[in-house]
């Protein structure tokens, strides 16, 4: 059941990040991957800067979204 939650959170966060960062998303699979990697980035980075969001699945989506936006911005800068 945990993997399904990861996929759902990753898909939502990746899709939202694709909407915020210009250039659109990467399709369903790409958005899921971006969202999951974003969740890992946020899970590592946010506590180190003193920002911890708790509160269930909504907090997980927000965390993954923040990480996915960071990831997409870095990818866009590298592609330039």
PDB file of N, CA and C in Angstrom:
ATOM      1  N   UNK A   1       0.825  -1.199   0.000  1.00  0.00           N
ATOM      2  CA  UNK A   1       0.000   0.000   0.000  1.00  0.00           C
ATOM      3  C   UNK A   1       0.866   1.259   0.000  1.00  0.00           C
ATOM      4  N   UNK A   2       2.034   1.191   0.617  1.00  0.00           N
ATOM      5  CA  UNK A   2       2.918   2.346   0.692  1.00  0.00           C
ATOM      6  C   UNK A   2       3.410   2.797  -0.670  1.00  0.00           C
ATOM      7  N   UNK A   3       3.668   1.838  -1.557  1.00  0.00           N
ATOM      8  CA  UNK A   3       4.158   2.197  -2.896  1.00  0.00           C
ATOM      9  C   UNK A   3       3.077   2.933  -3.681  1.00  0.00           C
ATOM     10  N   UNK A   4       1.845   2.542  -3.512  1.00  0.00           N
ATOM     11  CA  UNK A   4       0.745   3.225  -4.200  1.00  0.00           C
ATOM     12  C   UNK A   4       0.644   4.668  -3.721  1.00  0.00           C
ATOM     13  N   UNK A   5       0.800   4.878  -2.420  1.00  0.00           N
ATOM     14  CA  UNK A   5       0.773   6.239  -1.872  1.00  0.00           C
ATOM     15  C   UNK A   5       1.931   7.054  -2.448  1.00  0.00           C
ATOM     16  N   UNK A   6       3.133   6.457  -2.511  1.00  0.00           N
ATOM     17  CA  UNK A   6       4.293   7.133  -3.095  1.00  0.00           C
ATOM     18  C   UNK A   6       3.998   7.554  -4.527  1.00  0.00           C
ATOM     19  N   UNK A   7       3.397   6.655  -5.310  1.00  0.00           N
ATOM     20  CA  UNK A   7       3.093   6.953  -6.709  1.00  0.00           C
ATOM     21  C   UNK A   7       2.068   8.078  -6.836  1.00  0.00           C
ATOM     22  N   UNK A   8       1.060   8.049  -5.991  1.00  0.00           N
ATOM     23  CA  UNK A   8       0.026   9.087  -6.039  1.00  0.00           C
ATOM     24  C   UNK A   8       0.607  10.438  -5.629  1.00  0.00           C
ATOM     25  N   UNK A   9       1.346  10.452  -4.514  1.00  0.00           N
ATOM     26  CA  UNK A   9       1.972  11.694  -4.047  1.00  0.00           C
ATOM     27  C   UNK A   9       2.964  12.198  -5.093  1.00  0.00           C
ATOM     28  N   UNK A  10       3.766  11.304  -5.651  1.00  0.00           N
ATOM     29  CA  UNK A  10       4.736  11.690  -6.676  1.00  0.00           C
ATOM     30  C   UNK A  10       4.071  12.252  -7.918  1.00  0.00           C
ATOM     31  N   UNK A  11       2.987  11.630  -8.346  1.00  0.00           N
ATOM     32  CA  UNK A  11       2.277  12.107  -9.538  1.00  0.00           C
ATOM     33  C   UNK A  11       1.693  13.494  -9.311  1.00  0.00           C
ATOM     34  N   UNK A  12       1.062  13.695  -8.168  1.00  0.00           N
ATOM     35  CA  UNK A  12       0.463  15.001  -7.876  1.00  0.00           C
ATOM     36  C   UNK A  12       1.540  16.072  -7.756  1.00  0.00           C
ATOM     37  N   UNK A  13       2.594  15.784  -6.987  1.00  0.00           N
ATOM     38  CA  UNK A  13       3.658  16.765  -6.777  1.00  0.00           C
ATOM     39  C   UNK A  13       4.401  17.063  -8.077  1.00  0.00           C
ATOM     40  N   UNK A  14       4.699  16.036  -8.859  1.00  0.00           N
ATOM     41  CA  UNK A  14       5.392  16.239 -10.130  1.00  0.00           C
ATOM     42  C   UNK A  14       4.559  17.029 -11.123  1.00  0.00           C
ATOM     43  N   UNK A  15       3.272  16.746 -11.173  1.00  0.00           N
ATOM     44  CA  UNK A  15       2.378  17.474 -12.072  1.00  0.00           C
ATOM     45  C   UNK A  15       2.284  18.940 -11.668  1.00  0.00           C
ATOM     46  N   UNK A  16       2.101  19.194 -10.362  1.00  0.00           N
ATOM     47  CA  UNK A  16       2.025  20.569  -9.875  1.00  0.00           C
ATOM     48  C   UNK A  16       3.329  21.322 -10.140  1.00  0.00           C
ATOM     49  N   UNK A  17       4.454  20.669  -9.896  1.00  0.00           N
ATOM     50  CA  UNK A  17       5.752  21.309 -10.138  1.00  0.00           C
ATOM     51  C   UNK A  17       5.936  21.611 -11.622  1.00  0.00           C
ATOM     52  N   UNK A  18       5.484  20.704 -12.487  1.00  0.00           N
ATOM     53  CA  UNK A  18       5.549  20.940 -13.924  1.00  0.00           C
ATOM     54  C   UNK A  18       4.706  22.127 -14.352  1.00  0.00           C
ATOM     55  N   UNK A  19       3.593  22.366 -13.644  1.00  0.00           N
ATOM     56  CA  UNK A  19       2.749  23.513 -13.944  1.00  0.00           C
ATOM     57  C   UNK A  19       3.393  24.816 -13.476  1.00  0.00           C
ATOM     58  N   UNK A  20       4.109  24.771 -12.361  1.00  0.00           N
ATOM     59  CA  UNK A  20       4.719  25.978 -11.796  1.00  0.00           C
ATOM     60  C   UNK A  20       5.977  26.364 -12.563  1.00  0.00           C
ATOM     61  N   UNK A  21       6.824  25.379 -12.847  1.00  0.00           N
ATOM     62  CA  UNK A  21       8.068  25.638 -13.563  1.00  0.00           C
ATOM     63  C   UNK A  21       7.745  25.587 -15.051  1.00  0.00           C
ATOM     64  N   UNK A  22       8.073  26.640 -15.754  1.00  0.00           N
ATOM     65  CA  UNK A  22       7.746  26.733 -17.181  1.00  0.00           C
ATOM     66  C   UNK A  22       8.305  25.553 -17.964  1.00  0.00           C
ATOM     67  N   UNK A  23       7.616  25.165 -18.999  1.00  0.00           N
ATOM     68  CA  UNK A  23       8.077  24.075 -19.842  1.00  0.00           C
ATOM     69  C   UNK A  23       7.224  22.830 -19.711  1.00  0.00           C
ATOM     70  N   UNK A  24       6.228  22.853 -18.841  1.00  0.00           N
ATOM     71  CA  UNK A  24       5.327  21.728 -18.704  1.00  0.00           C
ATOM     72  C   UNK A  24       5.941  20.545 -18.011  1.00  0.00           C
ATOM     73  N   UNK A  25       5.196  19.471 -17.981  1.00  0.00           N
ATOM     74  CA  UNK A  25       5.625  18.268 -17.294  1.00  0.00           C
ATOM     75  C   UNK A  25       6.367  17.313 -18.210  1.00  0.00           C
ATOM     76  N   UNK A  26       6.593  16.122 -17.702  1.00  0.00           N
ATOM     77  CA  UNK A  26       7.315  15.090 -18.433  1.00  0.00           C
ATOM     78  C   UNK A  26       6.425  13.886 -18.732  1.00  0.00           C
ATOM     79  N   UNK A  27       5.131  14.051 -18.746  1.00  0.00           N
ATOM     80  CA  UNK A  27       4.218  12.936 -18.910  1.00  0.00           C
ATOM     81  C   UNK A  27       3.953  12.286 -17.563  1.00  0.00           C
ATOM     82  N   UNK A  28       3.076  11.319 -17.532  1.00  0.00           N
ATOM     83  CA  UNK A  28       2.672  10.707 -16.268  1.00  0.00           C
ATOM     84  C   UNK A  28       3.841  10.044 -15.546  1.00  0.00           C
ATOM     85  N   UNK A  29       4.568   9.187 -16.238  1.00  0.00           N
ATOM     86  CA  UNK A  29       5.690   8.484 -15.609  1.00  0.00           C
ATOM     87  C   UNK A  29       6.772   9.468 -15.189  1.00  0.00           C
ATOM     88  N   UNK A  30       7.092  10.421 -16.048  1.00  0.00           N
ATOM     89  CA  UNK A  30       8.105  11.429 -15.729  1.00  0.00           C
ATOM     90  C   UNK A  30       7.708  12.280 -14.530  1.00  0.00           C
ATOM     91  N   UNK A  31       6.423  12.667 -14.472  1.00  0.00           N
ATOM     92  CA  UNK A  31       5.943  13.455 -13.335  1.00  0.00           C
ATOM     93  C   UNK A  31       6.024  12.662 -12.040  1.00  0.00           C
ATOM     94  N   UNK A  32       5.703  11.374 -12.094  1.00  0.00           N
ATOM     95  CA  UNK A  32       5.796  10.530 -10.905  1.00  0.00           C
ATOM     96  C   UNK A  32       7.248  10.457 -10.430  1.00  0.00           C
ATOM     97  N   UNK A  33       8.159  10.260 -11.362  1.00  0.00           N
ATOM     98  CA  UNK A  33       9.583  10.169 -11.007  1.00  0.00           C
ATOM     99  C   UNK A  33      10.076  11.490 -10.436  1.00  0.00           C
ATOM    100  N   UNK A  34       9.713  12.600 -11.079  1.00  0.00           N
ATOM    101  CA  UNK A  34      10.111  13.921 -10.581  1.00  0.00           C
ATOM    102  C   UNK A  34       9.533  14.151  -9.190  1.00  0.00           C
ATOM    103  N   UNK A  35       8.293  13.774  -8.973  1.00  0.00           N
ATOM    104  CA  UNK A  35       7.658  13.942  -7.661  1.00  0.00           C
ATOM    105  C   UNK A  35       8.312  13.100  -6.580  1.00  0.00           C
ATOM    106  N   UNK A  36       8.650  11.855  -6.902  1.00  0.00           N
ATOM    107  CA  UNK A  36       9.293  10.980  -5.915  1.00  0.00           C
ATOM    108  C   UNK A  36      10.697  11.486  -5.598  1.00  0.00           C
ATOM    109  N   UNK A  37      11.464  11.852  -6.623  1.00  0.00           N
ATOM    110  CA  UNK A  37      12.801  12.397  -6.385  1.00  0.00           C
ATOM    111  C   UNK A  37      12.690  13.722  -5.626  1.00  0.00           C
ATOM    112  N   UNK A  38      11.689  14.522  -5.963  1.00  0.00           N
ATOM    113  CA  UNK A  38      11.447  15.769  -5.233  1.00  0.00           C
ATOM    114  C   UNK A  38      11.134  15.521  -3.768  1.00  0.00           C
ATOM    115  N   UNK A  39      10.373  14.470  -3.494  1.00  0.00           N
ATOM    116  CA  UNK A  39      10.087  14.108  -2.107  1.00  0.00           C
ATOM    117  C   UNK A  39      11.346  13.724  -1.349  1.00  0.00           C
ATOM    118  N   UNK A  40      12.236  13.004  -2.016  1.00  0.00           N
ATOM    119  CA  UNK A  40      13.504  12.630  -1.391  1.00  0.00           C
ATOM    120  C   UNK A  40      14.368  13.865  -1.138  1.00  0.00           C
ATOM    121  N   UNK A  41      14.406  14.768  -2.116  1.00  0.00           N
ATOM    122  CA  UNK A  41      15.187  16.005  -1.958  1.00  0.00           C
ATOM    123  C   UNK A  41      14.630  16.822  -0.789  1.00  0.00           C
ATOM    124  N   UNK A  42      13.313  16.992  -0.769  1.00  0.00           N
ATOM    125  CA  UNK A  42      12.700  17.779   0.303  1.00  0.00           C
ATOM    126  C   UNK A  42      12.874  17.102   1.660  1.00  0.00           C
ATOM    127  N   UNK A  43      12.772  15.782   1.698  1.00  0.00           N
ATOM    128  CA  UNK A  43      12.957  15.055   2.954  1.00  0.00           C
ATOM    129  C   UNK A  43      14.357  15.205   3.512  1.00  0.00           C
ATOM    130  N   UNK A  44      15.328  15.398   2.636  1.00  0.00           N
ATOM    131  CA  UNK A  44      16.701  15.591   3.084  1.00  0.00           C
ATOM    132  C   UNK A  44      16.999  17.066   3.365  1.00  0.00           C
ATOM    133  N   UNK A  45      16.555  17.960   2.474  1.00  0.00           N
ATOM    134  CA  UNK A  45      16.950  19.361   2.539  1.00  0.00           C
ATOM    135  C   UNK A  45      16.155  20.182   3.556  1.00  0.00           C
ATOM    136  N   UNK A  46      14.854  20.049   3.565  1.00  0.00           N
ATOM    137  CA  UNK A  46      14.018  20.920   4.395  1.00  0.00           C
ATOM    138  C   UNK A  46      14.330  20.834   5.889  1.00  0.00           C
ATOM    139  N   UNK A  47      14.514  19.650   6.476  1.00  0.00           N
ATOM    140  CA  UNK A  47      14.870  19.626   7.904  1.00  0.00           C
ATOM    141  C   UNK A  47      16.219  20.292   8.190  1.00  0.00           C
ATOM    142  N   UNK A  48      17.126  20.259   7.245  1.00  0.00           N
ATOM    143  CA  UNK A  48      18.440  20.873   7.441  1.00  0.00           C
ATOM    144  C   UNK A  48      18.381  22.392   7.466  1.00  0.00           C
ATOM    145  N   UNK A  49      17.374  22.971   6.811  1.00  0.00           N
ATOM    146  CA  UNK A  49      17.234  24.430   6.853  1.00  0.00           C
ATOM    147  C   UNK A  49      16.185  24.862   7.881  1.00  0.00           C
ATOM    148  N   UNK A  50      15.671  23.913   8.642  1.00  0.00           N
ATOM    149  CA  UNK A  50      14.750  24.228   9.727  1.00  0.00           C
ATOM    150  C   UNK A  50      13.293  24.316   9.337  1.00  0.00           C
ATOM    151  N   UNK A  51      12.919  23.799   8.181  1.00  0.00           N
ATOM    152  CA  UNK A  51      11.531  23.835   7.718  1.00  0.00           C
ATOM    153  C   UNK A  51      10.992  22.416   7.665  1.00  0.00           C
ATOM    154  N   UNK A  52      10.099  22.101   8.598  1.00  0.00           N
ATOM    155  CA  UNK A  52       9.511  20.760   8.636  1.00  0.00           C
ATOM    156  C   UNK A  52       8.002  20.911   8.590  1.00  0.00           C
ATOM    157  N   UNK A  53       7.380  20.280   7.600  1.00  0.00           N
ATOM    158  CA  UNK A  53       5.933  20.322   7.441  1.00  0.00           C
ATOM    159  C   UNK A  53       5.402  18.936   7.796  1.00  0.00           C
ATOM    160  N   UNK A  54       4.541  18.869   8.791  1.00  0.00           N
ATOM    161  CA  UNK A  54       3.955  17.592   9.202  1.00  0.00           C
ATOM    162  C   UNK A  54       2.446  17.681   9.104  1.00  0.00           C
ATOM    163  N   UNK A  55       1.800  16.544   8.924  1.00  0.00           N
ATOM    164  CA  UNK A  55       0.350  16.575   8.881  1.00  0.00           C
ATOM    165  C   UNK A  55      -0.273  15.625   7.891  1.00  0.00           C
ATOM    166  N   UNK A  56       0.346  14.504   7.613  1.00  0.00           N
ATOM    167  CA  UNK A  56      -0.281  13.504   6.770  1.00  0.00           C
ATOM    168  C   UNK A  56       0.061  13.634   5.299  1.00  0.00           C
ATOM    169  N   UNK A  57      -0.873  13.166   4.483  1.00  0.00           N
ATOM    170  CA  UNK A  57      -0.615  13.072   3.051  1.00  0.00           C
ATOM    171  C   UNK A  57      -0.534  14.449   2.393  1.00  0.00           C
ATOM    172  N   UNK A  58      -1.282  15.420   2.894  1.00  0.00           N
ATOM    173  CA  UNK A  58      -1.216  16.770   2.334  1.00  0.00           C
ATOM    174  C   UNK A  58       0.181  17.350   2.558  1.00  0.00           C
ATOM    175  N   UNK A  59       0.741  17.147   3.730  1.00  0.00           N
ATOM    176  CA  UNK A  59       2.099  17.610   4.015  1.00  0.00           C
ATOM    177  C   UNK A  59       3.115  16.883   3.132  1.00  0.00           C
ATOM    178  N   UNK A  60       2.892  15.600   2.888  1.00  0.00           N
ATOM    179  CA  UNK A  60       3.777  14.852   1.996  1.00  0.00           C
ATOM    180  C   UNK A  60       3.748  15.420   0.584  1.00  0.00           C
ATOM    181  N   UNK A  61       2.563  15.780   0.114  1.00  0.00           N
ATOM    182  CA  UNK A  61       2.435  16.366  -1.224  1.00  0.00           C
ATOM    183  C   UNK A  61       3.131  17.722  -1.273  1.00  0.00           C
ATOM    184  N   UNK A  62       2.963  18.538  -0.229  1.00  0.00           N
ATOM    185  CA  UNK A  62       3.609  19.851  -0.191  1.00  0.00           C
ATOM    186  C   UNK A  62       5.129  19.688  -0.178  1.00  0.00           C
ATOM    187  N   UNK A  63       5.629  18.779   0.658  1.00  0.00           N
ATOM    188  CA  UNK A  63       7.074  18.526   0.709  1.00  0.00           C
ATOM    189  C   UNK A  63       7.603  18.055  -0.642  1.00  0.00           C
ATOM    190  N   UNK A  64       6.929  17.089  -1.242  1.00  0.00           N
ATOM    191  CA  UNK A  64       7.366  16.562  -2.538  1.00  0.00           C
ATOM    192  C   UNK A  64       7.282  17.639  -3.614  1.00  0.00           C
ATOM    193  N   UNK A  65       6.271  18.486  -3.540  1.00  0.00           N
ATOM    194  CA  UNK A  65       6.127  19.589  -4.492  1.00  0.00           C
ATOM    195  C   UNK A  65       7.304  20.552  -4.385  1.00  0.00           C
ATOM    196  N   UNK A  66       7.669  20.924  -3.166  1.00  0.00           N
ATOM    197  CA  UNK A  66       8.807  21.835  -2.967  1.00  0.00           C
ATOM    198  C   UNK A  66      10.078  21.212  -3.533  1.00  0.00           C
ATOM    199  N   UNK A  67      10.306  19.952  -3.231  1.00  0.00           N
ATOM    200  CA  UNK A  67      11.487  19.270  -3.753  1.00  0.00           C
ATOM    201  C   UNK A  67      11.458  19.130  -5.263  1.00  0.00           C
ATOM    202  N   UNK A  68      10.294  18.859  -5.826  1.00  0.00           N
ATOM    203  CA  UNK A  68      10.174  18.712  -7.276  1.00  0.00           C
ATOM    204  C   UNK A  68      10.417  20.042  -7.990  1.00  0.00           C
ATOM    205  N   UNK A  69       9.952  21.135  -7.412  1.00  0.00           N
ATOM    206  CA  UNK A  69      10.213  22.447  -7.997  1.00  0.00           C
ATOM    207  C   UNK A  69      11.712  22.729  -7.983  1.00  0.00           C
ATOM    208  N   UNK A  70      12.364  22.438  -6.858  1.00  0.00           N
ATOM    209  CA  UNK A  70      13.817  22.615  -6.770  1.00  0.00           C
ATOM    210  C   UNK A  70      14.509  21.784  -7.848  1.00  0.00           C
ATOM    211  N   UNK A  71      14.104  20.524  -7.984  1.00  0.00           N
ATOM    212  CA  UNK A  71      14.691  19.638  -8.988  1.00  0.00           C
ATOM    213  C   UNK A  71      14.488  20.176 -10.400  1.00  0.00           C
ATOM    214  N   UNK A  72      13.290  20.605 -10.732  1.00  0.00           N
ATOM    215  CA  UNK A  72      13.008  21.101 -12.081  1.00  0.00           C
ATOM    216  C   UNK A  72      13.763  22.394 -12.388  1.00  0.00           C
ATOM    217  N   UNK A  73      13.894  23.264 -11.395  1.00  0.00           N
ATOM    218  CA  UNK A  73      14.659  24.494 -11.607  1.00  0.00           C
ATOM    219  C   UNK A  73      16.110  24.152 -11.905  1.00  0.00           C
ATOM    220  N   UNK A  74      16.680  23.208 -11.159  1.00  0.00           N
ATOM    221  CA  UNK A  74      18.069  22.796 -11.401  1.00  0.00           C
ATOM    222  C   UNK A  74      18.208  22.169 -12.780  1.00  0.00           C
ATOM    223  N   UNK A  75      17.269  21.310 -13.169  1.00  0.00           N
ATOM    224  CA  UNK A  75      17.306  20.682 -14.492  1.00  0.00           C
ATOM    225  C   UNK A  75      17.203  21.724 -15.594  1.00  0.00           C
ATOM    226  N   UNK A  76      16.323  22.693 -15.439  1.00  0.00           N
ATOM    227  CA  UNK A  76      16.180  23.751 -16.453  1.00  0.00           C
ATOM    228  C   UNK A  76      17.458  24.588 -16.565  1.00  0.00           C
ATOM    229  N   UNK A  77      18.112  24.870 -15.430  1.00  0.00           N
ATOM    230  CA  UNK A  77      19.360  25.640 -15.458  1.00  0.00           C
ATOM    231  C   UNK A  77      20.470  24.860 -16.142  1.00  0.00           C
ATOM    232  N   UNK A  78      20.527  23.562 -15.914  1.00  0.00           N
ATOM    233  CA  UNK A  78      21.559  22.726 -16.544  1.00  0.00           C
ATOM    234  C   UNK A  78      21.314  22.605 -18.044  1.00  0.00           C
ATOM    235  N   UNK A  79      20.061  22.503 -18.462  1.00  0.00           N
ATOM    236  CA  UNK A  79      19.740  22.366 -19.883  1.00  0.00           C
ATOM    237  C   UNK A  79      20.085  23.608 -20.687  1.00  0.00           C
ATOM    238  N   UNK A  80      20.157  24.756 -20.030  1.00  0.00           N
ATOM    239  CA  UNK A  80      20.510  25.986 -20.740  1.00  0.00           C
ATOM    240  C   UNK A  80      21.895  25.869 -21.184  1.00  0.00           C
TER     241      UNK A  80
END
